Amino acid sequence: MKLLFLVQRDVTSKWKKPMHNWNRILSQLTIIYDDRLKLDL
């Protein structure tokens, strides 16, 4: 359990970094999944 906790903590710390080309990805997802993608911006 401790090992799983430590791995999870390590992985989620990496998720907090900005994603490369996120604006481009988001625009493509909006085009493809407009009815499913609801953003509160």
Protein backbone atom coordinates (compact mmCIF):
# COMPACT_ATOMS: atom_id res chain seq x y z
CA MET A 1 0.00 0.00 0.00
CA LYS A 2 2.78 2.40 0.82
CA LEU A 3 4.45 1.77 -2.53
CA LEU A 4 1.19 2.42 -4.37
CA PHE A 5 0.70 5.62 -2.43
CA LEU A 6 4.20 6.83 -3.27
CA VAL A 7 3.84 6.01 -6.96
CA GLN A 8 0.49 7.78 -7.11
CA ARG A 9 1.92 10.82 -5.39
CA ASP A 10 4.84 10.94 -7.80
CA VAL A 11 2.63 10.61 -10.88
CA THR A 12 0.15 13.26 -9.80
CA SER A 13 2.94 15.71 -9.06
CA LYS A 14 3.98 15.44 -12.69
CA TRP A 15 0.42 16.17 -13.88
CA LYS A 16 0.55 19.65 -12.38
CA LYS A 17 3.03 20.81 -14.96
CA PRO A 18 1.64 22.66 -18.00
CA MET A 19 0.85 20.47 -20.95
CA HIS A 20 2.66 21.21 -24.20
CA ASN A 21 0.31 22.70 -26.87
CA TRP A 22 -2.72 22.48 -24.59
CA ASN A 23 -4.55 25.28 -26.44
CA ARG A 24 -4.22 23.43 -29.72
CA ILE A 25 -5.37 20.15 -28.15
CA LEU A 26 -8.33 21.85 -26.52
CA SER A 27 -9.43 23.49 -29.76
CA GLN A 28 -9.30 20.14 -31.57
CA LEU A 29 -11.27 18.42 -28.83
CA THR A 30 -13.85 21.18 -28.97
CA ILE A 31 -14.28 20.68 -32.70
CA ILE A 32 -14.55 16.91 -32.45
CA TYR A 33 -16.55 16.57 -29.19
CA ASP A 34 -18.43 19.85 -29.00
CA ASP A 35 -21.59 18.30 -27.55
CA ARG A 36 -19.67 16.34 -24.88
CA LEU A 37 -17.03 18.86 -23.88
CA LYS A 38 -18.33 21.36 -21.34
CA LEU A 39 -15.78 23.84 -20.04
CA ASP A 40 -16.26 26.43 -17.36
CA LEU A 41 -13.81 29.06 -18.49
